[in-house]
């Protein structure tokens, strides 16, 4: 399970905020609903690293953030899941 350190609810994260993943800082580009499943919503936070110009995503279900949070890196045209230990915002 990923350790989460939050300074505010994840739902309040917006463009321009910073998120650290395993100690590396990324900037938030967007935060939106990817799929509405009725009772829950699958959310996406789009991130980028301005130093490397690479794109990333944090994905989670809004009703169970702690158990469902995942991190993805864009490789060519597909987002690949990356195992992480800690995320903070």
C-alpha atoms as a PDB file:
ATOM      1  CA  UNK A   1       0.000   0.000   0.000  1.00  0.00           C
ATOM      2  CA  UNK A   2       1.206   3.515  -0.859  1.00  0.00           C
ATOM      3  CA  UNK A   3       1.942   5.919   2.021  1.00  0.00           C
ATOM      4  CA  UNK A   4      -0.042   9.125   1.601  1.00  0.00           C
ATOM      5  CA  UNK A   5       0.873  12.434   3.253  1.00  0.00           C
ATOM      6  CA  UNK A   6      -1.705  15.120   2.501  1.00  0.00           C
ATOM      7  CA  UNK A   7      -1.977  18.787   3.402  1.00  0.00           C
ATOM      8  CA  UNK A   8      -5.542  18.999   2.025  1.00  0.00           C
ATOM      9  CA  UNK A   9      -8.206  16.642   0.646  1.00  0.00           C
ATOM     10  CA  UNK A  10      -7.219  15.105  -2.692  1.00  0.00           C
ATOM     11  CA  UNK A  11     -10.413  16.536  -4.216  1.00  0.00           C
ATOM     12  CA  UNK A  12      -9.004  20.059  -3.662  1.00  0.00           C
ATOM     13  CA  UNK A  13      -5.869  19.486  -5.782  1.00  0.00           C
ATOM     14  CA  UNK A  14      -5.844  21.820  -8.781  1.00  0.00           C
ATOM     15  CA  UNK A  15      -3.704  22.974 -11.709  1.00  0.00           C
ATOM     16  CA  UNK A  16      -0.417  24.480 -10.547  1.00  0.00           C
ATOM     17  CA  UNK A  17      -0.253  22.487  -7.277  1.00  0.00           C
ATOM     18  CA  UNK A  18       2.791  20.325  -6.578  1.00  0.00           C
ATOM     19  CA  UNK A  19       2.755  16.599  -5.849  1.00  0.00           C
ATOM     20  CA  UNK A  20       5.782  14.631  -4.651  1.00  0.00           C
ATOM     21  CA  UNK A  21       6.103  10.980  -5.619  1.00  0.00           C
ATOM     22  CA  UNK A  22       8.908   9.073  -3.895  1.00  0.00           C
ATOM     23  CA  UNK A  23      10.609  12.426  -3.221  1.00  0.00           C
ATOM     24  CA  UNK A  24      10.410  13.783  -6.798  1.00  0.00           C
ATOM     25  CA  UNK A  25       8.221  16.856  -7.364  1.00  0.00           C
ATOM     26  CA  UNK A  26       5.721  17.137 -10.227  1.00  0.00           C
ATOM     27  CA  UNK A  27       3.341  19.922 -11.216  1.00  0.00           C
ATOM     28  CA  UNK A  28      -0.402  19.347 -11.605  1.00  0.00           C
ATOM     29  CA  UNK A  29      -1.726  20.109 -15.079  1.00  0.00           C
ATOM     30  CA  UNK A  30      -5.344  18.921 -14.625  1.00  0.00           C
ATOM     31  CA  UNK A  31      -7.666  17.029 -12.248  1.00  0.00           C
ATOM     32  CA  UNK A  32     -10.805  15.430 -13.657  1.00  0.00           C
ATOM     33  CA  UNK A  33     -13.231  12.493 -13.715  1.00  0.00           C
ATOM     34  CA  UNK A  34     -11.974   9.785 -16.077  1.00  0.00           C
ATOM     35  CA  UNK A  35     -14.959   7.428 -15.674  1.00  0.00           C
ATOM     36  CA  UNK A  36     -18.158   7.887 -13.676  1.00  0.00           C
ATOM     37  CA  UNK A  37     -19.148   4.433 -12.410  1.00  0.00           C
ATOM     38  CA  UNK A  38     -22.343   5.657 -10.732  1.00  0.00           C
ATOM     39  CA  UNK A  39     -21.537   5.025  -7.061  1.00  0.00           C
ATOM     40  CA  UNK A  40     -17.901   6.013  -7.487  1.00  0.00           C
ATOM     41  CA  UNK A  41     -15.806   8.060  -9.866  1.00  0.00           C
ATOM     42  CA  UNK A  42     -12.418   7.109 -11.271  1.00  0.00           C
ATOM     43  CA  UNK A  43     -10.333  10.277 -11.032  1.00  0.00           C
ATOM     44  CA  UNK A  44      -7.147  11.366 -12.817  1.00  0.00           C
ATOM     45  CA  UNK A  45      -4.574  13.963 -11.837  1.00  0.00           C
ATOM     46  CA  UNK A  46      -2.389  14.849 -14.826  1.00  0.00           C
ATOM     47  CA  UNK A  47       1.206  15.669 -13.820  1.00  0.00           C
ATOM     48  CA  UNK A  48       4.306  16.799 -15.653  1.00  0.00           C
ATOM     49  CA  UNK A  49       7.999  17.149 -14.941  1.00  0.00           C
ATOM     50  CA  UNK A  50       9.175  20.447 -16.443  1.00  0.00           C
ATOM     51  CA  UNK A  51      12.840  19.348 -16.263  1.00  0.00           C
ATOM     52  CA  UNK A  52      12.355  16.240 -18.409  1.00  0.00           C
ATOM     53  CA  UNK A  53       9.133  17.261 -20.223  1.00  0.00           C
ATOM     54  CA  UNK A  54       7.572  13.898 -19.314  1.00  0.00           C
ATOM     55  CA  UNK A  55       3.910  13.303 -18.429  1.00  0.00           C
ATOM     56  CA  UNK A  56       2.497  11.272 -15.552  1.00  0.00           C
ATOM     57  CA  UNK A  57      -0.860  10.468 -13.969  1.00  0.00           C
ATOM     58  CA  UNK A  58      -2.166   9.749 -10.505  1.00  0.00           C
ATOM     59  CA  UNK A  59      -5.358   7.676 -10.679  1.00  0.00           C
ATOM     60  CA  UNK A  60      -7.728   6.835  -7.840  1.00  0.00           C
ATOM     61  CA  UNK A  61     -11.344   6.104  -6.969  1.00  0.00           C
ATOM     62  CA  UNK A  62     -12.915   8.991  -5.074  1.00  0.00           C
ATOM     63  CA  UNK A  63     -14.576   6.774  -2.439  1.00  0.00           C
ATOM     64  CA  UNK A  64     -11.433   4.781  -1.551  1.00  0.00           C
ATOM     65  CA  UNK A  65      -8.350   6.880  -2.219  1.00  0.00           C
ATOM     66  CA  UNK A  66      -5.952   5.073   0.141  1.00  0.00           C
ATOM     67  CA  UNK A  67      -6.594   1.622  -1.349  1.00  0.00           C
ATOM     68  CA  UNK A  68      -6.800   2.626  -5.007  1.00  0.00           C
ATOM     69  CA  UNK A  69      -4.179   5.323  -5.658  1.00  0.00           C
ATOM     70  CA  UNK A  70      -1.783   4.456  -8.518  1.00  0.00           C
ATOM     71  CA  UNK A  71       0.955   6.293 -10.437  1.00  0.00           C
ATOM     72  CA  UNK A  72       1.505   6.057 -14.199  1.00  0.00           C
ATOM     73  CA  UNK A  73       4.199   7.274 -16.594  1.00  0.00           C
ATOM     74  CA  UNK A  74       3.515   8.062 -20.259  1.00  0.00           C
ATOM     75  CA  UNK A  75       5.644   5.843 -22.497  1.00  0.00           C
ATOM     76  CA  UNK A  76       5.145   6.605 -26.195  1.00  0.00           C
ATOM     77  CA  UNK A  77       1.320   6.630 -26.350  1.00  0.00           C
ATOM     78  CA  UNK A  78       0.427   4.417 -23.355  1.00  0.00           C
ATOM     79  CA  UNK A  79       0.490   5.100 -19.616  1.00  0.00           C
ATOM     80  CA  UNK A  80       2.424   2.359 -17.767  1.00  0.00           C
ATOM     81  CA  UNK A  81       1.838   1.761 -14.067  1.00  0.00           C
ATOM     82  CA  UNK A  82       4.857   2.494 -11.861  1.00  0.00           C
ATOM     83  CA  UNK A  83       5.168   1.019  -8.371  1.00  0.00           C
ATOM     84  CA  UNK A  84       5.644   3.755  -5.768  1.00  0.00           C
ATOM     85  CA  UNK A  85       6.053   3.882  -1.989  1.00  0.00           C
ATOM     86  CA  UNK A  86       5.019   7.406  -1.030  1.00  0.00           C
ATOM     87  CA  UNK A  87       2.969  10.297  -2.410  1.00  0.00           C
ATOM     88  CA  UNK A  88       2.431  13.702  -0.839  1.00  0.00           C
ATOM     89  CA  UNK A  89       0.663  16.960  -1.590  1.00  0.00           C
END
